[in-house]
Each structure stands twice: as structure tokens, then as C-alpha cells.
Amino acid sequence: MQGQERMKNLANDSTTGSWVRDADFAVIVLTNPKYGFHLIDAGRAVQSMQIAAWNFGITSRIYTGVDRAALERDFGIPKDLSPSVVVGFGYPTKKLFGKKNRKPISEIAFLDRFGKPLTTGQL
């Protein structure tokens, strides 16, 4: 969806994504919970959208906290589909450059059991 009024509705229907009102456009990703893998499919779809957008200089951000009844009412979402994630997209207001300051792999990936660090030499 796009347009200031629709983005405002989307922000109001959120419990964690009020920032989306300032996005240029957004996508509500709907999945069918009768399929056990529906959230995996949602994640893959979102990742593909984000990578494609980044190639055009468009940034994105996600949220999952929604008022489901309000979304169903405001956006005509059928009861049998689940609003799994919302992705807001927009052009950055300042030039992005450099690398992110990410944690080392030894702090976020583990080998054999949680807490046993995986190091880059083990990859």
C-alpha cells in the first residue's frame, strides 16, 4: 500500500510499527497458517523483497506486532490468512555508506551446543 492516509491507517493498526507512517510504501505479507512452513515462506519472501529494494537504493524495516482485527477491517484481509509481517520501504533521508558494526561470529553462532563459539576458522 501507499499514500499518506493508507500508511497512517497501517501505523495505527500496529502495536510495534508506528514508524511505518513515514515509509514511502509498505507490504503486508499474508500467509496461510494451515501450512506448517508458512512463516518460513514469509521470511523468504521478505528477504527477497528487501534485497531487491536495496539494489535500487531503497531501505526497509519489518515489524510483526499488529492489531489483527483492525488490519482485517482496514485492509480487507480474509480471516483464513495471517498477517505474518509488515515491511515498510523508503528512500533514506541521508546517504548511507560504510559497513555496519556487526558482532563477531563467535558471539552469535555456536558449534554443537549453545554457548560453544563457532569461529571463522571452523567454517
N, C-alpha and C. Protein backbone atom coordinates (compact mmCIF):
# COMPACT_ATOMS: atom_id res chain seq x y z
N MET A 1 0.82 -1.16 0.00
CA MET A 1 0.00 0.00 0.00
C MET A 1 0.87 1.22 0.00
N GLN A 2 0.29 2.29 -0.41
CA GLN A 2 1.00 3.57 -0.45
C GLN A 2 -0.01 4.69 -0.25
N GLY A 3 0.50 5.87 -0.11
CA GLY A 3 -0.38 7.01 0.14
C GLY A 3 -0.41 7.32 1.62
N GLN A 4 -0.38 8.59 1.93
CA GLN A 4 -0.27 9.04 3.31
C GLN A 4 -1.38 8.50 4.21
N GLU A 5 -2.61 8.51 3.73
CA GLU A 5 -3.73 8.06 4.55
C GLU A 5 -3.64 6.55 4.83
N ARG A 6 -3.29 5.77 3.81
CA ARG A 6 -3.18 4.32 4.00
C ARG A 6 -2.03 3.97 4.94
N MET A 7 -0.92 4.71 4.83
CA MET A 7 0.22 4.46 5.70
C MET A 7 -0.13 4.83 7.15
N LYS A 8 -0.93 5.87 7.32
CA LYS A 8 -1.37 6.27 8.65
C LYS A 8 -2.26 5.17 9.25
N ASN A 9 -3.17 4.62 8.45
CA ASN A 9 -4.01 3.51 8.91
C ASN A 9 -3.16 2.32 9.34
N LEU A 10 -2.17 2.00 8.52
CA LEU A 10 -1.30 0.87 8.82
C LEU A 10 -0.56 1.10 10.14
N ALA A 11 -0.05 2.30 10.34
CA ALA A 11 0.65 2.64 11.58
C ALA A 11 -0.29 2.53 12.78
N ASN A 12 -1.51 2.99 12.62
CA ASN A 12 -2.48 2.93 13.72
C ASN A 12 -2.89 1.49 14.05
N ASP A 13 -2.81 0.61 13.07
CA ASP A 13 -3.17 -0.80 13.27
C ASP A 13 -2.01 -1.63 13.81
N SER A 14 -0.90 -0.97 14.11
CA SER A 14 0.30 -1.64 14.58
C SER A 14 0.47 -1.49 16.08
N THR A 15 1.06 -2.51 16.70
CA THR A 15 1.44 -2.41 18.11
C THR A 15 2.94 -2.15 18.26
N THR A 16 3.71 -2.34 17.19
CA THR A 16 5.17 -2.16 17.26
C THR A 16 5.75 -1.40 16.08
N GLY A 17 4.94 -0.97 15.14
CA GLY A 17 5.48 -0.36 13.92
C GLY A 17 4.88 0.98 13.58
N SER A 18 4.67 1.82 14.57
CA SER A 18 4.08 3.14 14.27
C SER A 18 4.95 3.96 13.33
N TRP A 19 6.24 3.64 13.27
CA TRP A 19 7.18 4.32 12.37
C TRP A 19 6.79 4.16 10.90
N VAL A 20 5.99 3.14 10.57
CA VAL A 20 5.67 2.87 9.17
C VAL A 20 4.90 4.01 8.52
N ARG A 21 4.29 4.89 9.33
CA ARG A 21 3.55 6.02 8.75
C ARG A 21 4.47 6.90 7.92
N ASP A 22 5.78 6.90 8.21
CA ASP A 22 6.73 7.73 7.47
C ASP A 22 7.38 7.00 6.30
N ALA A 23 7.06 5.72 6.11
CA ALA A 23 7.61 4.96 4.98
C ALA A 23 6.97 5.44 3.68
N ASP A 24 7.66 5.20 2.57
CA ASP A 24 7.10 5.57 1.27
C ASP A 24 6.01 4.59 0.84
N PHE A 25 6.20 3.32 1.17
CA PHE A 25 5.17 2.31 0.90
C PHE A 25 5.43 1.11 1.79
N ALA A 26 4.48 0.21 1.87
CA ALA A 26 4.61 -0.97 2.72
C ALA A 26 3.91 -2.16 2.09
N VAL A 27 4.32 -3.33 2.55
CA VAL A 27 3.72 -4.59 2.11
C VAL A 27 3.31 -5.37 3.35
N ILE A 28 2.06 -5.79 3.39
CA ILE A 28 1.59 -6.70 4.43
C ILE A 28 1.74 -8.10 3.85
N VAL A 29 2.59 -8.92 4.45
CA VAL A 29 2.81 -10.28 3.95
C VAL A 29 1.81 -11.20 4.64
N LEU A 30 0.92 -11.78 3.85
CA LEU A 30 -0.10 -12.68 4.35
C LEU A 30 0.31 -14.12 4.10
N THR A 31 0.10 -14.97 5.09
CA THR A 31 0.39 -16.39 4.92
C THR A 31 -0.80 -17.21 5.38
N ASN A 32 -0.80 -18.48 5.00
CA ASN A 32 -1.87 -19.38 5.39
C ASN A 32 -1.35 -20.30 6.49
N PRO A 33 -1.80 -20.10 7.73
CA PRO A 33 -1.27 -20.89 8.85
C PRO A 33 -1.61 -22.38 8.80
N LYS A 34 -2.46 -22.79 7.87
CA LYS A 34 -2.74 -24.23 7.78
C LYS A 34 -1.52 -24.99 7.26
N TYR A 35 -0.56 -24.26 6.68
CA TYR A 35 0.69 -24.87 6.23
C TYR A 35 1.75 -24.62 7.29
N GLY A 36 2.36 -25.67 7.78
CA GLY A 36 3.33 -25.57 8.86
C GLY A 36 4.54 -24.70 8.55
N PHE A 37 4.81 -24.50 7.28
CA PHE A 37 6.00 -23.75 6.85
C PHE A 37 5.68 -22.32 6.46
N HIS A 38 4.49 -21.84 6.80
CA HIS A 38 4.05 -20.53 6.31
C HIS A 38 4.96 -19.39 6.75
N LEU A 39 5.52 -19.46 7.96
CA LEU A 39 6.39 -18.38 8.42
C LEU A 39 7.75 -18.41 7.72
N ILE A 40 8.21 -19.60 7.37
CA ILE A 40 9.46 -19.71 6.59
C ILE A 40 9.24 -19.05 5.23
N ASP A 41 8.12 -19.34 4.61
CA ASP A 41 7.81 -18.72 3.31
C ASP A 41 7.73 -17.20 3.43
N ALA A 42 7.14 -16.71 4.51
CA ALA A 42 7.05 -15.26 4.71
C ALA A 42 8.44 -14.66 4.81
N GLY A 43 9.31 -15.29 5.59
CA GLY A 43 10.67 -14.80 5.75
C GLY A 43 11.44 -14.78 4.44
N ARG A 44 11.27 -15.81 3.64
CA ARG A 44 11.96 -15.86 2.35
C ARG A 44 11.44 -14.77 1.42
N ALA A 45 10.14 -14.56 1.42
CA ALA A 45 9.57 -13.52 0.57
C ALA A 45 10.06 -12.13 0.98
N VAL A 46 10.08 -11.89 2.30
CA VAL A 46 10.54 -10.60 2.80
C VAL A 46 12.00 -10.38 2.45
N GLN A 47 12.83 -11.40 2.65
CA GLN A 47 14.25 -11.26 2.34
C GLN A 47 14.45 -10.92 0.86
N SER A 48 13.72 -11.58 -0.02
CA SER A 48 13.84 -11.30 -1.45
C SER A 48 13.42 -9.87 -1.77
N MET A 49 12.33 -9.41 -1.14
CA MET A 49 11.89 -8.03 -1.38
C MET A 49 12.93 -7.04 -0.88
N GLN A 50 13.51 -7.30 0.29
CA GLN A 50 14.48 -6.37 0.86
C GLN A 50 15.76 -6.31 0.01
N ILE A 51 16.23 -7.44 -0.45
CA ILE A 51 17.44 -7.45 -1.28
C ILE A 51 17.19 -6.73 -2.60
N ALA A 52 16.04 -7.00 -3.21
CA ALA A 52 15.72 -6.32 -4.48
C ALA A 52 15.62 -4.81 -4.26
N ALA A 53 14.97 -4.39 -3.19
CA ALA A 53 14.82 -2.96 -2.91
C ALA A 53 16.17 -2.31 -2.68
N TRP A 54 17.04 -2.98 -1.92
CA TRP A 54 18.36 -2.42 -1.63
C TRP A 54 19.14 -2.14 -2.92
N ASN A 55 18.96 -3.00 -3.92
CA ASN A 55 19.63 -2.80 -5.22
C ASN A 55 19.19 -1.51 -5.89
N PHE A 56 18.05 -0.97 -5.50
CA PHE A 56 17.55 0.29 -6.06
C PHE A 56 17.71 1.46 -5.08
N GLY A 57 18.48 1.24 -4.01
CA GLY A 57 18.72 2.29 -3.04
C GLY A 57 17.57 2.52 -2.08
N ILE A 58 16.68 1.54 -1.97
CA ILE A 58 15.53 1.65 -1.09
C ILE A 58 15.80 0.84 0.18
N THR A 59 15.59 1.46 1.33
CA THR A 59 15.79 0.77 2.59
C THR A 59 14.47 0.16 3.07
N SER A 60 14.57 -0.72 4.06
CA SER A 60 13.36 -1.37 4.56
C SER A 60 13.52 -1.73 6.02
N ARG A 61 12.40 -1.99 6.62
CA ARG A 61 12.35 -2.37 8.03
C ARG A 61 11.08 -3.20 8.21
N ILE A 62 11.12 -4.14 9.16
CA ILE A 62 9.96 -5.01 9.36
C ILE A 62 9.40 -4.86 10.78
N TYR A 63 8.14 -5.28 10.91
CA TYR A 63 7.55 -5.45 12.24
C TYR A 63 6.48 -6.53 12.17
N THR A 64 6.20 -7.12 13.32
CA THR A 64 5.21 -8.20 13.39
C THR A 64 4.07 -7.90 14.37
N GLY A 65 4.18 -6.85 15.14
CA GLY A 65 3.14 -6.53 16.11
C GLY A 65 2.00 -5.77 15.46
N VAL A 66 0.86 -6.44 15.34
CA VAL A 66 -0.30 -5.82 14.69
C VAL A 66 -1.57 -6.07 15.49
N ASP A 67 -2.53 -5.21 15.31
CA ASP A 67 -3.88 -5.41 15.81
C ASP A 67 -4.62 -6.11 14.67
N ARG A 68 -4.70 -7.41 14.77
CA ARG A 68 -5.21 -8.21 13.66
C ARG A 68 -6.63 -7.81 13.23
N ALA A 69 -7.49 -7.59 14.19
CA ALA A 69 -8.87 -7.21 13.86
C ALA A 69 -8.90 -5.90 13.09
N ALA A 70 -8.07 -4.95 13.49
CA ALA A 70 -8.02 -3.65 12.80
C ALA A 70 -7.47 -3.81 11.39
N LEU A 71 -6.43 -4.64 11.23
CA LEU A 71 -5.89 -4.88 9.88
C LEU A 71 -6.92 -5.53 8.98
N GLU A 72 -7.61 -6.53 9.51
CA GLU A 72 -8.65 -7.21 8.73
C GLU A 72 -9.70 -6.21 8.27
N ARG A 73 -10.12 -5.36 9.18
CA ARG A 73 -11.15 -4.36 8.87
C ARG A 73 -10.64 -3.33 7.87
N ASP A 74 -9.48 -2.75 8.12
CA ASP A 74 -8.98 -1.64 7.31
C ASP A 74 -8.42 -2.05 5.95
N PHE A 75 -7.96 -3.31 5.83
CA PHE A 75 -7.31 -3.72 4.59
C PHE A 75 -7.97 -4.93 3.94
N GLY A 76 -9.13 -5.34 4.45
CA GLY A 76 -9.89 -6.42 3.81
C GLY A 76 -9.19 -7.76 3.84
N ILE A 77 -8.47 -8.06 4.90
CA ILE A 77 -7.73 -9.32 4.98
C ILE A 77 -8.68 -10.44 5.37
N PRO A 78 -8.70 -11.52 4.60
CA PRO A 78 -9.58 -12.65 4.92
C PRO A 78 -9.18 -13.31 6.25
N LYS A 79 -10.15 -13.84 6.96
CA LYS A 79 -9.92 -14.47 8.27
C LYS A 79 -8.99 -15.68 8.19
N ASP A 80 -8.96 -16.37 7.05
CA ASP A 80 -8.13 -17.58 6.96
C ASP A 80 -6.66 -17.29 6.64
N LEU A 81 -6.31 -16.02 6.43
CA LEU A 81 -4.91 -15.66 6.19
C LEU A 81 -4.38 -14.88 7.38
N SER A 82 -3.08 -15.04 7.62
CA SER A 82 -2.46 -14.40 8.77
C SER A 82 -1.51 -13.28 8.32
N PRO A 83 -1.65 -12.09 8.88
CA PRO A 83 -0.68 -11.02 8.58
C PRO A 83 0.61 -11.31 9.35
N SER A 84 1.53 -12.02 8.70
CA SER A 84 2.73 -12.52 9.37
C SER A 84 3.78 -11.46 9.63
N VAL A 85 3.91 -10.52 8.71
CA VAL A 85 4.93 -9.48 8.86
C VAL A 85 4.54 -8.30 7.97
N VAL A 86 4.94 -7.12 8.39
CA VAL A 86 4.75 -5.91 7.58
C VAL A 86 6.14 -5.37 7.26
N VAL A 87 6.35 -5.01 6.01
CA VAL A 87 7.62 -4.44 5.58
C VAL A 87 7.37 -3.03 5.09
N GLY A 88 8.05 -2.07 5.72
CA GLY A 88 7.99 -0.69 5.27
C GLY A 88 9.22 -0.38 4.43
N PHE A 89 9.02 0.32 3.33
CA PHE A 89 10.11 0.66 2.41
C PHE A 89 10.19 2.17 2.24
N GLY A 90 11.40 2.65 1.96
CA GLY A 90 11.54 4.07 1.69
C GLY A 90 12.94 4.43 1.26
N TYR A 91 13.05 5.61 0.70
CA TYR A 91 14.35 6.13 0.33
C TYR A 91 14.98 6.76 1.56
N PRO A 92 16.25 6.48 1.82
CA PRO A 92 16.90 7.05 3.01
C PRO A 92 16.96 8.57 2.93
N THR A 93 16.88 9.20 4.08
CA THR A 93 16.92 10.67 4.13
C THR A 93 18.35 11.19 4.13
N LYS A 94 19.31 10.30 4.37
CA LYS A 94 20.72 10.68 4.28
C LYS A 94 21.48 9.58 3.56
N LYS A 95 22.61 9.93 3.00
CA LYS A 95 23.42 8.97 2.25
C LYS A 95 23.96 7.89 3.19
N LEU A 96 23.79 6.65 2.80
CA LEU A 96 24.30 5.54 3.59
C LEU A 96 25.65 5.11 3.02
N PHE A 97 26.59 4.89 3.90
CA PHE A 97 27.90 4.45 3.43
C PHE A 97 28.58 3.68 4.55
N GLY A 98 29.65 2.98 4.18
CA GLY A 98 30.42 2.23 5.16
C GLY A 98 29.80 0.89 5.50
N LYS A 99 30.41 0.23 6.45
CA LYS A 99 29.95 -1.08 6.89
C LYS A 99 29.26 -0.96 8.23
N LYS A 100 28.35 -1.88 8.48
CA LYS A 100 27.69 -1.94 9.79
C LYS A 100 28.68 -2.48 10.81
N ASN A 101 28.52 -2.06 12.02
CA ASN A 101 29.33 -2.57 13.11
C ASN A 101 28.65 -3.82 13.65
N ARG A 102 28.96 -4.96 13.08
CA ARG A 102 28.30 -6.21 13.45
C ARG A 102 29.09 -6.95 14.53
N LYS A 103 28.39 -7.75 15.31
CA LYS A 103 29.04 -8.58 16.31
C LYS A 103 29.88 -9.65 15.61
N PRO A 104 30.97 -10.08 16.23
CA PRO A 104 31.76 -11.16 15.62
C PRO A 104 30.96 -12.46 15.63
N ILE A 105 31.26 -13.31 14.68
CA ILE A 105 30.52 -14.57 14.54
C ILE A 105 30.61 -15.41 15.81
N SER A 106 31.71 -15.31 16.53
CA SER A 106 31.86 -16.11 17.76
C SER A 106 30.84 -15.73 18.83
N GLU A 107 30.21 -14.56 18.71
CA GLU A 107 29.20 -14.14 19.69
C GLU A 107 27.77 -14.51 19.28
N ILE A 108 27.59 -14.91 18.02
CA ILE A 108 26.22 -15.17 17.57
C ILE A 108 25.99 -16.56 16.97
N ALA A 109 27.08 -17.28 16.68
CA ALA A 109 26.94 -18.63 16.11
C ALA A 109 27.69 -19.62 16.99
N PHE A 110 27.09 -20.77 17.19
CA PHE A 110 27.66 -21.75 18.10
C PHE A 110 27.80 -23.10 17.41
N LEU A 111 28.77 -23.89 17.87
CA LEU A 111 29.07 -25.20 17.29
C LEU A 111 28.66 -26.29 18.26
N ASP A 112 27.85 -27.19 17.82
CA ASP A 112 27.41 -28.36 18.58
C ASP A 112 26.42 -28.04 19.70
N ARG A 113 26.62 -26.96 20.43
CA ARG A 113 25.70 -26.61 21.50
C ARG A 113 25.78 -25.12 21.78
N PHE A 114 24.68 -24.58 22.27
CA PHE A 114 24.62 -23.15 22.58
C PHE A 114 25.72 -22.79 23.57
N GLY A 115 26.44 -21.72 23.28
CA GLY A 115 27.49 -21.24 24.16
C GLY A 115 28.89 -21.67 23.75
N LYS A 116 29.00 -22.67 22.88
CA LYS A 116 30.32 -23.09 22.38
C LYS A 116 30.55 -22.33 21.07
N PRO A 117 31.37 -21.26 21.12
CA PRO A 117 31.51 -20.37 19.96
C PRO A 117 31.99 -21.05 18.69
N LEU A 118 31.41 -20.64 17.61
CA LEU A 118 31.86 -21.04 16.28
C LEU A 118 32.80 -19.95 15.80
N THR A 119 33.96 -20.32 15.37
CA THR A 119 34.91 -19.32 14.87
C THR A 119 35.00 -19.43 13.36
N THR A 120 35.50 -18.37 12.73
CA THR A 120 35.58 -18.36 11.27
C THR A 120 36.48 -19.47 10.75
N GLY A 121 37.45 -19.91 11.51
CA GLY A 121 38.32 -21.00 11.07
C GLY A 121 37.60 -22.34 10.98
N GLN A 122 36.44 -22.43 11.61
CA GLN A 122 35.67 -23.68 11.59
C GLN A 122 34.65 -23.73 10.47
N LEU A 123 34.52 -22.66 9.73
CA LEU A 123 33.53 -22.62 8.65
C LEU A 123 33.99 -23.38 7.45
